[in-house]
């Protein structure tokens, strides 16, 4: 027992001293890459956000983020019959900064369209003499929401906290992927901290599961962040997605959750944009349910 204890002490000392060794990383300077976040949802116009990647050790502030937006790109979305050139829009954010995105151009109504279930869409971006392409599908809605209900949060949480629950049904047949969002009162829709799921466990079955509150990833997450409060009006948005969209968010969220963990495995975020660009083009088959939680 003494020998075992000594070995444990020695092992810990080795770990401590090895942690004190200075490690000097010399990272290559690389050209910024195009970053694409593009989506199309049933009943909605396509939305495309374009920016340039930043260096790993870049200092981030509003000015740098505002300066990363990509302007004057040629952005086209096609549904196989119509090809529409999107228009760039800006939204004032205050402090002299703007948020930029591309969507349907009202001056070309003959080619504009919204998303539809069971349709494939292609994206083409022309920028600085280079072309970037991607394809996505808005699948059918195969994950049916039967009802929302709530129950008190587990002991140890504040008495006003409640757990939001959903009863749902998954259509038989593997390969159904979803991403979910929640909207609380007047807040925007936020995706869950882990927002994408497949049907490996619940295929072809009815089930009940807690819906964790969506989070603003730019804010802190206090204890009990996953619960809602009595008196809240909550809207749940559940989206069937295709496999490439699932893979992008699965790897992105794993990378996000493991930031700062020296023991986590390195993960490559799997996008579907060609020509070395970062990001994804995803189709969303969306459905909504709302519940008012009484006080």
C-alpha atoms as a PDB file:
ATOM      1  CA  UNK A   1       0.000   0.000   0.000  1.00  0.00           C
ATOM      2  CA  UNK A   2       2.887   2.373   0.853  1.00  0.00           C
ATOM      3  CA  UNK A   3       4.538   1.582  -2.483  1.00  0.00           C
ATOM      4  CA  UNK A   4       1.294   2.280  -4.319  1.00  0.00           C
ATOM      5  CA  UNK A   5       0.893   5.564  -2.443  1.00  0.00           C
ATOM      6  CA  UNK A   6       4.483   6.578  -3.293  1.00  0.00           C
ATOM      7  CA  UNK A   7       3.931   5.751  -6.966  1.00  0.00           C
ATOM      8  CA  UNK A   8       0.794   7.921  -7.016  1.00  0.00           C
ATOM      9  CA  UNK A   9       2.672  10.818  -5.363  1.00  0.00           C
ATOM     10  CA  UNK A  10       5.556  10.480  -7.838  1.00  0.00           C
ATOM     11  CA  UNK A  11       3.170  10.338 -10.799  1.00  0.00           C
ATOM     12  CA  UNK A  12       1.410  13.495  -9.634  1.00  0.00           C
ATOM     13  CA  UNK A  13       4.730  15.303  -9.162  1.00  0.00           C
ATOM     14  CA  UNK A  14       5.744  14.365 -12.708  1.00  0.00           C
ATOM     15  CA  UNK A  15       2.480  15.751 -14.012  1.00  0.00           C
ATOM     16  CA  UNK A  16       2.901  18.985 -12.047  1.00  0.00           C
ATOM     17  CA  UNK A  17       6.485  19.555 -13.141  1.00  0.00           C
ATOM     18  CA  UNK A  18       5.687  18.666 -16.748  1.00  0.00           C
ATOM     19  CA  UNK A  19       2.913  21.272 -16.727  1.00  0.00           C
ATOM     20  CA  UNK A  20       5.469  23.932 -15.840  1.00  0.00           C
ATOM     21  CA  UNK A  21       7.457  23.432 -19.041  1.00  0.00           C
ATOM     22  CA  UNK A  22       7.062  26.335 -21.439  1.00  0.00           C
ATOM     23  CA  UNK A  23       5.673  25.383 -24.826  1.00  0.00           C
ATOM     24  CA  UNK A  24       6.215  27.757 -27.707  1.00  0.00           C
ATOM     25  CA  UNK A  25       3.849  27.314 -30.623  1.00  0.00           C
ATOM     26  CA  UNK A  26       4.824  28.972 -33.883  1.00  0.00           C
ATOM     27  CA  UNK A  27       1.685  29.128 -35.963  1.00  0.00           C
ATOM     28  CA  UNK A  28       1.851  29.764 -39.680  1.00  0.00           C
ATOM     29  CA  UNK A  29       0.317  32.976 -40.946  1.00  0.00           C
ATOM     30  CA  UNK A  30      -2.492  31.999 -43.312  1.00  0.00           C
ATOM     31  CA  UNK A  31      -4.736  34.012 -45.559  1.00  0.00           C
ATOM     32  CA  UNK A  32      -8.271  34.557 -44.229  1.00  0.00           C
ATOM     33  CA  UNK A  33     -10.816  32.097 -45.549  1.00  0.00           C
ATOM     34  CA  UNK A  34     -14.390  32.689 -46.575  1.00  0.00           C
ATOM     35  CA  UNK A  35     -16.842  31.693 -43.809  1.00  0.00           C
ATOM     36  CA  UNK A  36     -20.370  30.808 -44.931  1.00  0.00           C
ATOM     37  CA  UNK A  37     -23.462  30.356 -42.778  1.00  0.00           C
ATOM     38  CA  UNK A  38     -26.339  29.749 -45.160  1.00  0.00           C
ATOM     39  CA  UNK A  39     -29.760  28.211 -44.628  1.00  0.00           C
ATOM     40  CA  UNK A  40     -33.148  27.781 -46.232  1.00  0.00           C
ATOM     41  CA  UNK A  41     -36.301  26.838 -44.321  1.00  0.00           C
ATOM     42  CA  UNK A  42     -39.728  25.724 -45.476  1.00  0.00           C
ATOM     43  CA  UNK A  43     -41.856  28.810 -46.084  1.00  0.00           C
ATOM     44  CA  UNK A  44     -38.893  31.178 -45.681  1.00  0.00           C
ATOM     45  CA  UNK A  45     -36.451  32.947 -48.008  1.00  0.00           C
ATOM     46  CA  UNK A  46     -32.813  31.790 -48.083  1.00  0.00           C
ATOM     47  CA  UNK A  47     -30.434  33.539 -45.672  1.00  0.00           C
ATOM     48  CA  UNK A  48     -26.694  33.780 -46.242  1.00  0.00           C
ATOM     49  CA  UNK A  49     -24.093  35.325 -43.923  1.00  0.00           C
ATOM     50  CA  UNK A  50     -20.587  35.820 -45.306  1.00  0.00           C
ATOM     51  CA  UNK A  51     -17.466  36.761 -43.371  1.00  0.00           C
ATOM     52  CA  UNK A  52     -13.708  36.236 -43.325  1.00  0.00           C
ATOM     53  CA  UNK A  53     -11.974  33.981 -40.817  1.00  0.00           C
ATOM     54  CA  UNK A  54      -9.810  35.539 -38.093  1.00  0.00           C
ATOM     55  CA  UNK A  55      -6.441  34.408 -36.768  1.00  0.00           C
ATOM     56  CA  UNK A  56      -6.547  32.046 -33.792  1.00  0.00           C
ATOM     57  CA  UNK A  57      -5.037  34.607 -31.414  1.00  0.00           C
ATOM     58  CA  UNK A  58      -6.848  37.626 -32.850  1.00  0.00           C
ATOM     59  CA  UNK A  59      -8.227  40.149 -30.420  1.00  0.00           C
ATOM     60  CA  UNK A  60     -12.004  40.211 -30.864  1.00  0.00           C
ATOM     61  CA  UNK A  61     -14.112  43.334 -30.524  1.00  0.00           C
ATOM     62  CA  UNK A  62     -17.125  44.835 -32.273  1.00  0.00           C
ATOM     63  CA  UNK A  63     -14.994  46.685 -34.795  1.00  0.00           C
ATOM     64  CA  UNK A  64     -13.072  43.577 -35.839  1.00  0.00           C
ATOM     65  CA  UNK A  65     -16.247  41.512 -36.112  1.00  0.00           C
ATOM     66  CA  UNK A  66     -17.988  44.225 -38.130  1.00  0.00           C
ATOM     67  CA  UNK A  67     -14.965  44.417 -40.421  1.00  0.00           C
ATOM     68  CA  UNK A  68     -15.054  40.654 -41.061  1.00  0.00           C
ATOM     69  CA  UNK A  69     -18.311  40.803 -43.061  1.00  0.00           C
ATOM     70  CA  UNK A  70     -17.927  40.141 -46.783  1.00  0.00           C
ATOM     71  CA  UNK A  71     -19.606  42.659 -49.089  1.00  0.00           C
ATOM     72  CA  UNK A  72     -20.488  42.765 -52.785  1.00  0.00           C
ATOM     73  CA  UNK A  73     -20.343  39.016 -53.322  1.00  0.00           C
ATOM     74  CA  UNK A  74     -22.460  37.421 -56.037  1.00  0.00           C
ATOM     75  CA  UNK A  75     -24.700  34.943 -54.235  1.00  0.00           C
ATOM     76  CA  UNK A  76     -27.098  32.647 -56.111  1.00  0.00           C
ATOM     77  CA  UNK A  77     -29.576  30.069 -54.804  1.00  0.00           C
ATOM     78  CA  UNK A  78     -31.350  27.589 -57.076  1.00  0.00           C
ATOM     79  CA  UNK A  79     -34.228  25.153 -56.524  1.00  0.00           C
ATOM     80  CA  UNK A  80     -33.540  23.285 -59.759  1.00  0.00           C
ATOM     81  CA  UNK A  81     -36.031  25.328 -61.760  1.00  0.00           C
ATOM     82  CA  UNK A  82     -35.327  28.917 -60.701  1.00  0.00           C
ATOM     83  CA  UNK A  83     -31.988  30.574 -59.961  1.00  0.00           C
ATOM     84  CA  UNK A  84     -32.186  33.752 -57.907  1.00  0.00           C
ATOM     85  CA  UNK A  85     -29.415  36.273 -57.219  1.00  0.00           C
ATOM     86  CA  UNK A  86     -29.604  37.395 -53.587  1.00  0.00           C
ATOM     87  CA  UNK A  87     -29.347  40.983 -52.413  1.00  0.00           C
ATOM     88  CA  UNK A  88     -27.118  42.261 -49.596  1.00  0.00           C
ATOM     89  CA  UNK A  89     -28.893  43.893 -46.634  1.00  0.00           C
ATOM     90  CA  UNK A  90     -27.661  45.662 -43.519  1.00  0.00           C
ATOM     91  CA  UNK A  91     -29.157  46.033 -40.045  1.00  0.00           C
ATOM     92  CA  UNK A  92     -27.883  48.817 -37.737  1.00  0.00           C
ATOM     93  CA  UNK A  93     -26.584  47.470 -34.441  1.00  0.00           C
ATOM     94  CA  UNK A  94     -25.777  50.784 -32.772  1.00  0.00           C
ATOM     95  CA  UNK A  95     -22.411  52.357 -32.107  1.00  0.00           C
ATOM     96  CA  UNK A  96     -21.913  52.849 -35.831  1.00  0.00           C
ATOM     97  CA  UNK A  97     -21.837  49.101 -36.558  1.00  0.00           C
ATOM     98  CA  UNK A  98     -24.017  47.100 -38.944  1.00  0.00           C
ATOM     99  CA  UNK A  99     -24.925  43.454 -39.409  1.00  0.00           C
ATOM    100  CA  UNK A 100     -24.958  42.210 -43.028  1.00  0.00           C
ATOM    101  CA  UNK A 101     -26.710  39.333 -44.756  1.00  0.00           C
ATOM    102  CA  UNK A 102     -27.938  38.215 -48.194  1.00  0.00           C
ATOM    103  CA  UNK A 103     -31.528  37.201 -49.013  1.00  0.00           C
ATOM    104  CA  UNK A 104     -34.212  37.422 -51.713  1.00  0.00           C
ATOM    105  CA  UNK A 105     -34.114  40.507 -53.930  1.00  0.00           C
ATOM    106  CA  UNK A 106     -37.603  42.076 -54.270  1.00  0.00           C
ATOM    107  CA  UNK A 107     -36.549  43.743 -57.529  1.00  0.00           C
ATOM    108  CA  UNK A 108     -36.415  40.269 -59.186  1.00  0.00           C
ATOM    109  CA  UNK A 109     -39.702  38.670 -58.047  1.00  0.00           C
ATOM    110  CA  UNK A 110     -39.949  36.322 -61.027  1.00  0.00           C
ATOM    111  CA  UNK A 111     -37.021  34.210 -59.804  1.00  0.00           C
ATOM    112  CA  UNK A 112     -37.419  34.613 -56.018  1.00  0.00           C
ATOM    113  CA  UNK A 113     -38.690  31.631 -54.001  1.00  0.00           C
ATOM    114  CA  UNK A 114     -39.114  30.320 -50.469  1.00  0.00           C
ATOM    115  CA  UNK A 115     -38.118  26.909 -49.183  1.00  0.00           C
ATOM    116  CA  UNK A 116     -40.330  23.834 -49.615  1.00  0.00           C
ATOM    117  CA  UNK A 117     -40.322  20.388 -48.032  1.00  0.00           C
ATOM    118  CA  UNK A 118     -38.646  17.542 -49.941  1.00  0.00           C
ATOM    119  CA  UNK A 119     -36.691  19.821 -52.267  1.00  0.00           C
ATOM    120  CA  UNK A 120     -32.984  20.128 -53.027  1.00  0.00           C
ATOM    121  CA  UNK A 121     -31.247  23.514 -53.246  1.00  0.00           C
ATOM    122  CA  UNK A 122     -27.862  24.657 -54.487  1.00  0.00           C
ATOM    123  CA  UNK A 123     -25.797  27.644 -53.411  1.00  0.00           C
ATOM    124  CA  UNK A 124     -23.186  29.422 -55.556  1.00  0.00           C
ATOM    125  CA  UNK A 125     -20.981  32.258 -54.322  1.00  0.00           C
ATOM    126  CA  UNK A 126     -18.641  34.231 -56.598  1.00  0.00           C
ATOM    127  CA  UNK A 127     -16.074  36.342 -54.771  1.00  0.00           C
ATOM    128  CA  UNK A 128     -12.710  37.751 -55.824  1.00  0.00           C
ATOM    129  CA  UNK A 129     -12.548  35.527 -58.895  1.00  0.00           C
ATOM    130  CA  UNK A 130     -13.282  32.330 -56.943  1.00  0.00           C
ATOM    131  CA  UNK A 131     -16.447  30.237 -56.873  1.00  0.00           C
ATOM    132  CA  UNK A 132     -17.853  28.352 -53.905  1.00  0.00           C
ATOM    133  CA  UNK A 133     -20.683  25.808 -54.141  1.00  0.00           C
ATOM    134  CA  UNK A 134     -22.853  23.727 -51.831  1.00  0.00           C
ATOM    135  CA  UNK A 135     -26.002  21.595 -51.970  1.00  0.00           C
ATOM    136  CA  UNK A 136     -28.600  20.907 -49.299  1.00  0.00           C
ATOM    137  CA  UNK A 137     -32.065  19.372 -48.960  1.00  0.00           C
ATOM    138  CA  UNK A 138     -35.087  20.425 -46.947  1.00  0.00           C
ATOM    139  CA  UNK A 139     -36.296  16.956 -45.909  1.00  0.00           C
ATOM    140  CA  UNK A 140     -39.787  15.871 -44.919  1.00  0.00           C
ATOM    141  CA  UNK A 141     -41.021  16.383 -41.346  1.00  0.00           C
ATOM    142  CA  UNK A 142     -40.597  12.950 -39.756  1.00  0.00           C
ATOM    143  CA  UNK A 143     -40.245  13.913 -36.071  1.00  0.00           C
ATOM    144  CA  UNK A 144     -43.797  14.760 -34.953  1.00  0.00           C
ATOM    145  CA  UNK A 145     -44.371  16.935 -31.860  1.00  0.00           C
ATOM    146  CA  UNK A 146     -47.421  15.590 -30.000  1.00  0.00           C
ATOM    147  CA  UNK A 147     -47.450  17.988 -27.026  1.00  0.00           C
ATOM    148  CA  UNK A 148     -45.450  20.183 -24.658  1.00  0.00           C
ATOM    149  CA  UNK A 149     -45.800  20.113 -20.883  1.00  0.00           C
ATOM    150  CA  UNK A 150     -43.770  21.100 -17.847  1.00  0.00           C
ATOM    151  CA  UNK A 151     -42.860  19.802 -14.430  1.00  0.00           C
ATOM    152  CA  UNK A 152     -40.957  21.280 -11.464  1.00  0.00           C
ATOM    153  CA  UNK A 153     -37.198  21.370 -11.807  1.00  0.00           C
ATOM    154  CA  UNK A 154     -35.295  18.820  -9.677  1.00  0.00           C
ATOM    155  CA  UNK A 155     -34.573  19.614  -6.011  1.00  0.00           C
ATOM    156  CA  UNK A 156     -31.780  22.118  -5.514  1.00  0.00           C
ATOM    157  CA  UNK A 157     -33.103  24.567  -8.107  1.00  0.00           C
ATOM    158  CA  UNK A 158     -35.058  27.742  -7.402  1.00  0.00           C
ATOM    159  CA  UNK A 159     -38.796  27.098  -6.850  1.00  0.00           C
ATOM    160  CA  UNK A 160     -39.762  29.114  -9.937  1.00  0.00           C
ATOM    161  CA  UNK A 161     -37.666  26.892 -12.224  1.00  0.00           C
ATOM    162  CA  UNK A 162     -39.439  24.295 -14.392  1.00  0.00           C
ATOM    163  CA  UNK A 163     -38.335  21.619 -16.834  1.00  0.00           C
ATOM    164  CA  UNK A 164     -39.940  21.810 -20.265  1.00  0.00           C
ATOM    165  CA  UNK A 165     -40.911  18.393 -21.610  1.00  0.00           C
ATOM    166  CA  UNK A 166     -41.946  17.231 -25.074  1.00  0.00           C
ATOM    167  CA  UNK A 167     -43.883  14.189 -26.196  1.00  0.00           C
ATOM    168  CA  UNK A 168     -42.878  13.283 -29.727  1.00  0.00           C
ATOM    169  CA  UNK A 169     -42.976  10.482 -32.270  1.00  0.00           C
ATOM    170  CA  UNK A 170     -40.208   9.428 -34.652  1.00  0.00           C
ATOM    171  CA  UNK A 171     -41.185   7.872 -37.967  1.00  0.00           C
ATOM    172  CA  UNK A 172     -39.785   4.336 -38.498  1.00  0.00           C
ATOM    173  CA  UNK A 173     -36.595   4.161 -40.528  1.00  0.00           C
ATOM    174  CA  UNK A 174     -33.119   5.295 -39.495  1.00  0.00           C
ATOM    175  CA  UNK A 175     -31.672   8.510 -40.859  1.00  0.00           C
ATOM    176  CA  UNK A 176     -33.919  11.160 -39.299  1.00  0.00           C
ATOM    177  CA  UNK A 177     -31.836  14.083 -38.010  1.00  0.00           C
ATOM    178  CA  UNK A 178     -33.120  17.109 -36.107  1.00  0.00           C
ATOM    179  CA  UNK A 179     -31.966  20.445 -34.743  1.00  0.00           C
ATOM    180  CA  UNK A 180     -34.012  22.332 -32.158  1.00  0.00           C
ATOM    181  CA  UNK A 181     -34.360  25.915 -30.919  1.00  0.00           C
ATOM    182  CA  UNK A 182     -36.344  27.574 -28.116  1.00  0.00           C
ATOM    183  CA  UNK A 183     -37.787  31.072 -27.863  1.00  0.00           C
ATOM    184  CA  UNK A 184     -38.532  32.463 -24.399  1.00  0.00           C
ATOM    185  CA  UNK A 185     -40.918  35.413 -24.176  1.00  0.00           C
ATOM    186  CA  UNK A 186     -39.544  38.227 -26.377  1.00  0.00           C
ATOM    187  CA  UNK A 187     -36.100  36.677 -26.812  1.00  0.00           C
ATOM    188  CA  UNK A 188     -35.003  35.418 -30.248  1.00  0.00           C
ATOM    189  CA  UNK A 189     -34.771  31.715 -31.031  1.00  0.00           C
ATOM    190  CA  UNK A 190     -31.614  30.161 -29.572  1.00  0.00           C
ATOM    191  CA  UNK A 191     -30.312  26.688 -30.384  1.00  0.00           C
ATOM    192  CA  UNK A 192     -29.697  24.288 -27.520  1.00  0.00           C
ATOM    193  CA  UNK A 193     -26.164  23.889 -26.218  1.00  0.00           C
ATOM    194  CA  UNK A 194     -26.350  20.462 -27.847  1.00  0.00           C
ATOM    195  CA  UNK A 195     -28.962  21.057 -30.520  1.00  0.00           C
ATOM    196  CA  UNK A 196     -28.669  18.176 -33.007  1.00  0.00           C
ATOM    197  CA  UNK A 197     -29.795  14.569 -32.571  1.00  0.00           C
ATOM    198  CA  UNK A 198     -30.243  11.473 -34.683  1.00  0.00           C
ATOM    199  CA  UNK A 199     -32.778   8.649 -34.230  1.00  0.00           C
ATOM    200  CA  UNK A 200     -30.447   5.768 -33.368  1.00  0.00           C
ATOM    201  CA  UNK A 201     -32.175   5.167 -30.012  1.00  0.00           C
ATOM    202  CA  UNK A 202     -35.763   6.331 -30.559  1.00  0.00           C
ATOM    203  CA  UNK A 203     -36.372   5.184 -34.144  1.00  0.00           C
ATOM    204  CA  UNK A 204     -40.044   4.401 -34.776  1.00  0.00           C
ATOM    205  CA  UNK A 205     -41.132   5.137 -31.203  1.00  0.00           C
ATOM    206  CA  UNK A 206     -43.029   7.643 -29.072  1.00  0.00           C
ATOM    207  CA  UNK A 207     -40.929   9.209 -26.337  1.00  0.00           C
ATOM    208  CA  UNK A 208     -40.759  11.952 -23.700  1.00  0.00           C
ATOM    209  CA  UNK A 209     -37.637  14.026 -23.167  1.00  0.00           C
ATOM    210  CA  UNK A 210     -36.643  17.281 -21.461  1.00  0.00           C
ATOM    211  CA  UNK A 211     -36.071  20.238 -23.766  1.00  0.00           C
ATOM    212  CA  UNK A 212     -33.139  22.255 -22.483  1.00  0.00           C
ATOM    213  CA  UNK A 213     -33.445  25.993 -22.940  1.00  0.00           C
ATOM    214  CA  UNK A 214     -31.560  27.360 -25.947  1.00  0.00           C
ATOM    215  CA  UNK A 215     -28.549  29.496 -25.095  1.00  0.00           C
ATOM    216  CA  UNK A 216     -26.858  32.646 -26.305  1.00  0.00           C
ATOM    217  CA  UNK A 217     -23.347  31.357 -26.878  1.00  0.00           C
ATOM    218  CA  UNK A 218     -21.936  34.863 -26.382  1.00  0.00           C
ATOM    219  CA  UNK A 219     -23.235  35.011 -22.795  1.00  0.00           C
ATOM    220  CA  UNK A 220     -22.402  33.162 -19.594  1.00  0.00           C
ATOM    221  CA  UNK A 221     -24.439  30.090 -18.659  1.00  0.00           C
ATOM    222  CA  UNK A 222     -25.377  30.292 -14.951  1.00  0.00           C
ATOM    223  CA  UNK A 223     -26.541  27.316 -12.882  1.00  0.00           C
ATOM    224  CA  UNK A 224     -29.995  26.223 -13.949  1.00  0.00           C
ATOM    225  CA  UNK A 225     -29.616  27.730 -17.432  1.00  0.00           C
ATOM    226  CA  UNK A 226     -31.352  24.715 -18.992  1.00  0.00           C
ATOM    227  CA  UNK A 227     -34.648  25.358 -17.170  1.00  0.00           C
ATOM    228  CA  UNK A 228     -37.439  27.852 -17.762  1.00  0.00           C
ATOM    229  CA  UNK A 229     -39.346  30.001 -15.257  1.00  0.00           C
ATOM    230  CA  UNK A 230     -42.967  29.935 -14.214  1.00  0.00           C
ATOM    231  CA  UNK A 231     -44.806  32.588 -16.227  1.00  0.00           C
ATOM    232  CA  UNK A 232     -42.672  32.083 -19.350  1.00  0.00           C
ATOM    233  CA  UNK A 233     -44.161  31.738 -22.821  1.00  0.00           C
ATOM    234  CA  UNK A 234     -41.983  29.218 -24.652  1.00  0.00           C
ATOM    235  CA  UNK A 235     -41.960  28.296 -28.327  1.00  0.00           C
ATOM    236  CA  UNK A 236     -40.182  25.136 -29.409  1.00  0.00           C
ATOM    237  CA  UNK A 237     -38.871  24.938 -32.970  1.00  0.00           C
ATOM    238  CA  UNK A 238     -37.945  21.445 -34.169  1.00  0.00           C
ATOM    239  CA  UNK A 239     -36.314  21.065 -37.598  1.00  0.00           C
ATOM    240  CA  UNK A 240     -35.650  17.964 -39.625  1.00  0.00           C
ATOM    241  CA  UNK A 241     -32.259  18.402 -41.309  1.00  0.00           C
ATOM    242  CA  UNK A 242     -30.133  16.420 -43.745  1.00  0.00           C
ATOM    243  CA  UNK A 243     -26.979  14.502 -42.826  1.00  0.00           C
ATOM    244  CA  UNK A 244     -24.432  17.198 -43.886  1.00  0.00           C
ATOM    245  CA  UNK A 245     -26.243  19.813 -41.759  1.00  0.00           C
ATOM    246  CA  UNK A 246     -26.276  17.364 -38.835  1.00  0.00           C
ATOM    247  CA  UNK A 247     -22.555  16.634 -39.247  1.00  0.00           C
ATOM    248  CA  UNK A 248     -21.675  20.330 -39.342  1.00  0.00           C
ATOM    249  CA  UNK A 249     -23.502  21.201 -36.116  1.00  0.00           C
ATOM    250  CA  UNK A 250     -22.501  17.961 -34.367  1.00  0.00           C
ATOM    251  CA  UNK A 251     -18.818  18.682 -34.907  1.00  0.00           C
ATOM    252  CA  UNK A 252     -19.207  22.425 -34.321  1.00  0.00           C
ATOM    253  CA  UNK A 253     -20.964  21.945 -30.980  1.00  0.00           C
ATOM    254  CA  UNK A 254     -18.441  19.347 -29.840  1.00  0.00           C
ATOM    255  CA  UNK A 255     -15.638  21.775 -30.652  1.00  0.00           C
ATOM    256  CA  UNK A 256     -17.470  24.577 -28.832  1.00  0.00           C
ATOM    257  CA  UNK A 257     -18.021  22.472 -25.700  1.00  0.00           C
ATOM    258  CA  UNK A 258     -14.401  21.269 -25.563  1.00  0.00           C
ATOM    259  CA  UNK A 259     -12.711  24.680 -25.876  1.00  0.00           C
ATOM    260  CA  UNK A 260     -10.207  25.013 -23.055  1.00  0.00           C
ATOM    261  CA  UNK A 261     -10.139  21.289 -22.272  1.00  0.00           C
ATOM    262  CA  UNK A 262      -6.552  20.062 -22.795  1.00  0.00           C
ATOM    263  CA  UNK A 263      -7.667  16.406 -22.631  1.00  0.00           C
ATOM    264  CA  UNK A 264     -10.322  16.594 -25.349  1.00  0.00           C
ATOM    265  CA  UNK A 265      -9.712  15.012 -28.728  1.00  0.00           C
ATOM    266  CA  UNK A 266      -9.107  17.415 -31.621  1.00  0.00           C
ATOM    267  CA  UNK A 267     -12.141  17.708 -33.876  1.00  0.00           C
ATOM    268  CA  UNK A 268     -12.451  18.888 -37.451  1.00  0.00           C
ATOM    269  CA  UNK A 269     -15.633  20.808 -38.137  1.00  0.00           C
ATOM    270  CA  UNK A 270     -17.254  19.129 -41.149  1.00  0.00           C
ATOM    271  CA  UNK A 271     -18.669  21.703 -43.557  1.00  0.00           C
ATOM    272  CA  UNK A 272     -20.133  21.293 -47.045  1.00  0.00           C
ATOM    273  CA  UNK A 273     -18.835  24.404 -48.860  1.00  0.00           C
ATOM    274  CA  UNK A 274     -16.424  23.753 -51.740  1.00  0.00           C
ATOM    275  CA  UNK A 275     -13.075  25.341 -52.619  1.00  0.00           C
ATOM    276  CA  UNK A 276     -11.692  25.491 -49.077  1.00  0.00           C
ATOM    277  CA  UNK A 277     -14.347  27.775 -47.571  1.00  0.00           C
ATOM    278  CA  UNK A 278     -15.509  27.219 -44.000  1.00  0.00           C
ATOM    279  CA  UNK A 279     -19.124  26.769 -42.917  1.00  0.00           C
ATOM    280  CA  UNK A 280     -22.245  25.154 -44.293  1.00  0.00           C
ATOM    281  CA  UNK A 281     -25.436  25.458 -46.335  1.00  0.00           C
ATOM    282  CA  UNK A 282     -28.319  23.736 -44.546  1.00  0.00           C
ATOM    283  CA  UNK A 283     -31.987  23.032 -45.191  1.00  0.00           C
ATOM    284  CA  UNK A 284     -34.508  23.107 -42.318  1.00  0.00           C
ATOM    285  CA  UNK A 285     -37.961  21.456 -42.262  1.00  0.00           C
ATOM    286  CA  UNK A 286     -39.413  23.389 -39.328  1.00  0.00           C
ATOM    287  CA  UNK A 287     -42.419  22.966 -37.060  1.00  0.00           C
ATOM    288  CA  UNK A 288     -43.411  25.006 -33.989  1.00  0.00           C
ATOM    289  CA  UNK A 289     -45.257  24.478 -30.708  1.00  0.00           C
ATOM    290  CA  UNK A 290     -45.928  27.077 -27.973  1.00  0.00           C
ATOM    291  CA  UNK A 291     -46.756  26.669 -24.293  1.00  0.00           C
ATOM    292  CA  UNK A 292     -47.599  29.236 -21.610  1.00  0.00           C
ATOM    293  CA  UNK A 293     -46.249  28.107 -18.251  1.00  0.00           C
ATOM    294  CA  UNK A 294     -48.594  29.390 -15.501  1.00  0.00           C
ATOM    295  CA  UNK A 295     -47.260  31.304 -12.545  1.00  0.00           C
END
